């Protein structure tokens, strides 16, 4: 497997749900604070702000 061993794969598998959760939360926070209309216009209840 090269420089990565079985233990590294097990650790990565163990941390994957946490990394995905924090990544999703960071992405949603970024969208919220930047007010990115291209994506947020499709979010229910939040898109009423863009009805111009």
PDB file of N, CA and C in Angstrom:
ATOM      1  N   UNK A   1       0.814  -1.201   0.000  1.00  0.00           N
ATOM      2  CA  UNK A   1       0.000   0.000   0.000  1.00  0.00           C
ATOM      3  C   UNK A   1       0.852   1.257   0.000  1.00  0.00           C
ATOM      4  N   UNK A   2       2.128   1.123  -0.088  1.00  0.00           N
ATOM      5  CA  UNK A   2       2.994   2.295  -0.105  1.00  0.00           C
ATOM      6  C   UNK A   2       3.237   2.812   1.294  1.00  0.00           C
ATOM      7  N   UNK A   3       3.294   4.135   1.464  1.00  0.00           N
ATOM      8  CA  UNK A   3       3.597   4.708   2.774  1.00  0.00           C
ATOM      9  C   UNK A   3       2.435   4.587   3.767  1.00  0.00           C
ATOM     10  N   UNK A   4       1.235   4.315   3.277  1.00  0.00           N
ATOM     11  CA  UNK A   4       0.082   4.182   4.173  1.00  0.00           C
ATOM     12  C   UNK A   4      -0.140   2.715   4.508  1.00  0.00           C
ATOM     13  N   UNK A   5      -0.343   2.450   5.763  1.00  0.00           N
ATOM     14  CA  UNK A   5      -0.565   1.086   6.197  1.00  0.00           C
ATOM     15  C   UNK A   5      -2.012   0.846   6.575  1.00  0.00           C
ATOM     16  N   UNK A   6      -2.258  -0.341   7.066  1.00  0.00           N
ATOM     17  CA  UNK A   6      -3.612  -0.731   7.466  1.00  0.00           C
ATOM     18  C   UNK A   6      -4.129   0.159   8.605  1.00  0.00           C
ATOM     19  N   UNK A   7      -3.243   0.527   9.513  1.00  0.00           N
ATOM     20  CA  UNK A   7      -3.655   1.372  10.638  1.00  0.00           C
ATOM     21  C   UNK A   7      -4.116   2.749  10.153  1.00  0.00           C
ATOM     22  N   UNK A   8      -3.448   3.305   9.141  1.00  0.00           N
ATOM     23  CA  UNK A   8      -3.852   4.605   8.601  1.00  0.00           C
ATOM     24  C   UNK A   8      -5.231   4.523   7.962  1.00  0.00           C
ATOM     25  N   UNK A   9      -5.499   3.438   7.277  1.00  0.00           N
ATOM     26  CA  UNK A   9      -6.819   3.259   6.657  1.00  0.00           C
ATOM     27  C   UNK A   9      -7.893   3.136   7.729  1.00  0.00           C
ATOM     28  N   UNK A  10      -7.608   2.408   8.792  1.00  0.00           N
ATOM     29  CA  UNK A  10      -8.573   2.282   9.886  1.00  0.00           C
ATOM     30  C   UNK A  10      -8.833   3.624  10.557  1.00  0.00           C
ATOM     31  N   UNK A  11      -7.790   4.404  10.768  1.00  0.00           N
ATOM     32  CA  UNK A  11      -7.966   5.732  11.366  1.00  0.00           C
ATOM     33  C   UNK A  11      -8.792   6.643  10.457  1.00  0.00           C
ATOM     34  N   UNK A  12      -8.508   6.597   9.173  1.00  0.00           N
ATOM     35  CA  UNK A  12      -9.269   7.421   8.226  1.00  0.00           C
ATOM     36  C   UNK A  12     -10.735   7.004   8.218  1.00  0.00           C
ATOM     37  N   UNK A  13     -10.984   5.723   8.262  1.00  0.00           N
ATOM     38  CA  UNK A  13     -12.360   5.232   8.284  1.00  0.00           C
ATOM     39  C   UNK A  13     -13.068   5.644   9.565  1.00  0.00           C
ATOM     40  N   UNK A  14     -12.329   5.694  10.653  1.00  0.00           N
ATOM     41  CA  UNK A  14     -12.891   6.094  11.942  1.00  0.00           C
ATOM     42  C   UNK A  14     -13.263   7.580  11.959  1.00  0.00           C
ATOM     43  N   UNK A  15     -12.445   8.433  11.353  1.00  0.00           N
ATOM     44  CA  UNK A  15     -12.656   9.881  11.387  1.00  0.00           C
ATOM     45  C   UNK A  15     -13.534  10.402  10.262  1.00  0.00           C
ATOM     46  N   UNK A  16     -13.849   9.587   9.274  1.00  0.00           N
ATOM     47  CA  UNK A  16     -14.599  10.048   8.104  1.00  0.00           C
ATOM     48  C   UNK A  16     -15.949  10.689   8.443  1.00  0.00           C
ATOM     49  N   UNK A  17     -16.792  10.098   9.310  1.00  0.00           N
ATOM     50  CA  UNK A  17     -18.069  10.766   9.629  1.00  0.00           C
ATOM     51  C   UNK A  17     -17.895  12.148  10.249  1.00  0.00           C
ATOM     52  N   UNK A  18     -16.903  12.305  11.125  1.00  0.00           N
ATOM     53  CA  UNK A  18     -16.667  13.610  11.745  1.00  0.00           C
ATOM     54  C   UNK A  18     -16.199  14.631  10.720  1.00  0.00           C
ATOM     55  N   UNK A  19     -15.294  14.217   9.853  1.00  0.00           N
ATOM     56  CA  UNK A  19     -14.788  15.124   8.822  1.00  0.00           C
ATOM     57  C   UNK A  19     -15.912  15.542   7.885  1.00  0.00           C
ATOM     58  N   UNK A  20     -16.777  14.614   7.516  1.00  0.00           N
ATOM     59  CA  UNK A  20     -17.898  14.955   6.639  1.00  0.00           C
ATOM     60  C   UNK A  20     -18.877  15.899   7.332  1.00  0.00           C
ATOM     61  N   UNK A  21     -19.141  15.679   8.614  1.00  0.00           N
ATOM     62  CA  UNK A  21     -20.055  16.557   9.357  1.00  0.00           C
ATOM     63  C   UNK A  21     -19.506  17.978   9.465  1.00  0.00           C
ATOM     64  N   UNK A  22     -18.248  18.094   9.849  1.00  0.00           N
ATOM     65  CA  UNK A  22     -17.644  19.426   9.964  1.00  0.00           C
ATOM     66  C   UNK A  22     -17.528  20.100   8.597  1.00  0.00           C
ATOM     67  N   UNK A  23     -17.241  19.333   7.570  1.00  0.00           N
ATOM     68  CA  UNK A  23     -17.163  19.896   6.223  1.00  0.00           C
ATOM     69  C   UNK A  23     -18.503  20.420   5.746  1.00  0.00           C
ATOM     70  N   UNK A  24     -19.564  19.655   6.018  1.00  0.00           N
ATOM     71  CA  UNK A  24     -20.909  20.100   5.643  1.00  0.00           C
ATOM     72  C   UNK A  24     -21.300  21.354   6.406  1.00  0.00           C
ATOM     73  N   UNK A  25     -21.023  21.369   7.697  1.00  0.00           N
ATOM     74  CA  UNK A  25     -21.355  22.544   8.508  1.00  0.00           C
ATOM     75  C   UNK A  25     -20.568  23.769   8.048  1.00  0.00           C
ATOM     76  N   UNK A  26     -19.309  23.589   7.717  1.00  0.00           N
ATOM     77  CA  UNK A  26     -18.495  24.715   7.248  1.00  0.00           C
ATOM     78  C   UNK A  26     -19.001  25.231   5.901  1.00  0.00           C
ATOM     79  N   UNK A  27     -19.411  24.323   5.031  1.00  0.00           N
ATOM     80  CA  UNK A  27     -19.952  24.738   3.730  1.00  0.00           C
ATOM     81  C   UNK A  27     -21.241  25.519   3.905  1.00  0.00           C
ATOM     82  N   UNK A  28     -22.148  25.028   4.751  1.00  0.00           N
ATOM     83  CA  UNK A  28     -23.411  25.730   4.978  1.00  0.00           C
ATOM     84  C   UNK A  28     -23.183  27.085   5.655  1.00  0.00           C
ATOM     85  N   UNK A  29     -22.244  27.152   6.580  1.00  0.00           N
ATOM     86  CA  UNK A  29     -21.927  28.432   7.219  1.00  0.00           C
ATOM     87  C   UNK A  29     -21.347  29.403   6.197  1.00  0.00           C
ATOM     88  N   UNK A  30     -20.508  28.909   5.320  1.00  0.00           N
ATOM     89  CA  UNK A  30     -19.950  29.766   4.266  1.00  0.00           C
ATOM     90  C   UNK A  30     -21.031  30.302   3.345  1.00  0.00           C
ATOM     91  N   UNK A  31     -21.982  29.440   2.987  1.00  0.00           N
ATOM     92  CA  UNK A  31     -23.095  29.893   2.144  1.00  0.00           C
ATOM     93  C   UNK A  31     -23.944  30.929   2.870  1.00  0.00           C
ATOM     94  N   UNK A  32     -24.183  30.709   4.147  1.00  0.00           N
ATOM     95  CA  UNK A  32     -25.007  31.635   4.918  1.00  0.00           C
ATOM     96  C   UNK A  32     -24.350  33.004   5.044  1.00  0.00           C
ATOM     97  N   UNK A  33     -23.078  33.029   5.368  1.00  0.00           N
ATOM     98  CA  UNK A  33     -22.400  34.301   5.607  1.00  0.00           C
ATOM     99  C   UNK A  33     -22.046  35.039   4.321  1.00  0.00           C
ATOM    100  N   UNK A  34     -21.878  34.316   3.207  1.00  0.00           N
ATOM    101  CA  UNK A  34     -21.588  34.995   1.949  1.00  0.00           C
ATOM    102  C   UNK A  34     -22.860  35.337   1.188  1.00  0.00           C
ATOM    103  N   UNK A  35     -23.995  34.748   1.609  1.00  0.00           N
ATOM    104  CA  UNK A  35     -25.283  35.006   0.968  1.00  0.00           C
ATOM    105  C   UNK A  35     -25.201  34.733  -0.536  1.00  0.00           C
ATOM    106  N   UNK A  36     -24.739  33.564  -0.893  1.00  0.00           N
ATOM    107  CA  UNK A  36     -24.511  33.188  -2.284  1.00  0.00           C
ATOM    108  C   UNK A  36     -25.828  32.830  -2.958  1.00  0.00           C
ATOM    109  N   UNK A  37     -26.375  33.737  -3.720  1.00  0.00           N
ATOM    110  CA  UNK A  37     -27.699  33.600  -4.319  1.00  0.00           C
ATOM    111  C   UNK A  37     -27.794  32.426  -5.289  1.00  0.00           C
ATOM    112  N   UNK A  38     -26.716  32.102  -5.972  1.00  0.00           N
ATOM    113  CA  UNK A  38     -26.734  31.021  -6.960  1.00  0.00           C
ATOM    114  C   UNK A  38     -27.184  29.706  -6.327  1.00  0.00           C
ATOM    115  N   UNK A  39     -26.794  29.456  -5.100  1.00  0.00           N
ATOM    116  CA  UNK A  39     -27.160  28.212  -4.428  1.00  0.00           C
ATOM    117  C   UNK A  39     -28.366  28.407  -3.525  1.00  0.00           C
ATOM    118  N   UNK A  40     -28.390  29.501  -2.768  1.00  0.00           N
ATOM    119  CA  UNK A  40     -29.421  29.693  -1.750  1.00  0.00           C
ATOM    120  C   UNK A  40     -30.805  29.971  -2.330  1.00  0.00           C
ATOM    121  N   UNK A  41     -30.911  30.285  -3.603  1.00  0.00           N
ATOM    122  CA  UNK A  41     -32.240  30.509  -4.183  1.00  0.00           C
ATOM    123  C   UNK A  41     -33.045  29.222  -4.256  1.00  0.00           C
ATOM    124  N   UNK A  42     -32.412  28.070  -4.111  1.00  0.00           N
ATOM    125  CA  UNK A  42     -33.097  26.784  -4.160  1.00  0.00           C
ATOM    126  C   UNK A  42     -33.387  26.198  -2.784  1.00  0.00           C
ATOM    127  N   UNK A  43     -33.000  26.880  -1.707  1.00  0.00           N
ATOM    128  CA  UNK A  43     -33.232  26.393  -0.355  1.00  0.00           C
ATOM    129  C   UNK A  43     -34.616  26.861   0.092  1.00  0.00           C
ATOM    130  N   UNK A  44     -35.506  25.924   0.457  1.00  0.00           N
ATOM    131  CA  UNK A  44     -36.851  26.322   0.883  1.00  0.00           C
ATOM    132  C   UNK A  44     -36.817  27.216   2.119  1.00  0.00           C
ATOM    133  N   UNK A  45     -37.738  28.118   2.222  1.00  0.00           N
ATOM    134  CA  UNK A  45     -37.920  29.059   3.321  1.00  0.00           C
ATOM    135  C   UNK A  45     -36.831  30.126   3.385  1.00  0.00           C
ATOM    136  N   UNK A  46     -35.674  29.877   2.825  1.00  0.00           N
ATOM    137  CA  UNK A  46     -34.627  30.902   2.821  1.00  0.00           C
ATOM    138  C   UNK A  46     -34.673  31.695   1.523  1.00  0.00           C
ATOM    139  N   UNK A  47     -35.236  31.088   0.464  1.00  0.00           N
ATOM    140  CA  UNK A  47     -35.228  31.725  -0.845  1.00  0.00           C
ATOM    141  C   UNK A  47     -36.268  32.840  -0.976  1.00  0.00           C
ATOM    142  N   UNK A  48     -37.142  33.029  -0.010  1.00  0.00           N
ATOM    143  CA  UNK A  48     -38.129  34.116  -0.104  1.00  0.00           C
ATOM    144  C   UNK A  48     -37.431  35.474  -0.088  1.00  0.00           C
ATOM    145  N   UNK A  49     -36.234  35.503   0.404  1.00  0.00           N
ATOM    146  CA  UNK A  49     -35.445  36.713   0.434  1.00  0.00           C
ATOM    147  C   UNK A  49     -35.060  37.180  -0.987  1.00  0.00           C
ATOM    148  N   UNK A  50     -35.015  36.236  -1.947  1.00  0.00           N
ATOM    149  CA  UNK A  50     -34.582  36.543  -3.299  1.00  0.00           C
ATOM    150  C   UNK A  50     -35.738  36.727  -4.287  1.00  0.00           C
ATOM    151  N   UNK A  51     -36.966  36.812  -3.830  1.00  0.00           N
ATOM    152  CA  UNK A  51     -38.116  36.983  -4.718  1.00  0.00           C
ATOM    153  C   UNK A  51     -38.221  38.449  -5.147  1.00  0.00           C
ATOM    154  N   UNK A  52     -37.386  38.865  -6.080  1.00  0.00           N
ATOM    155  CA  UNK A  52     -37.403  40.268  -6.516  1.00  0.00           C
ATOM    156  C   UNK A  52     -37.921  40.376  -7.921  1.00  0.00           C
TER     157      UNK A  52
END
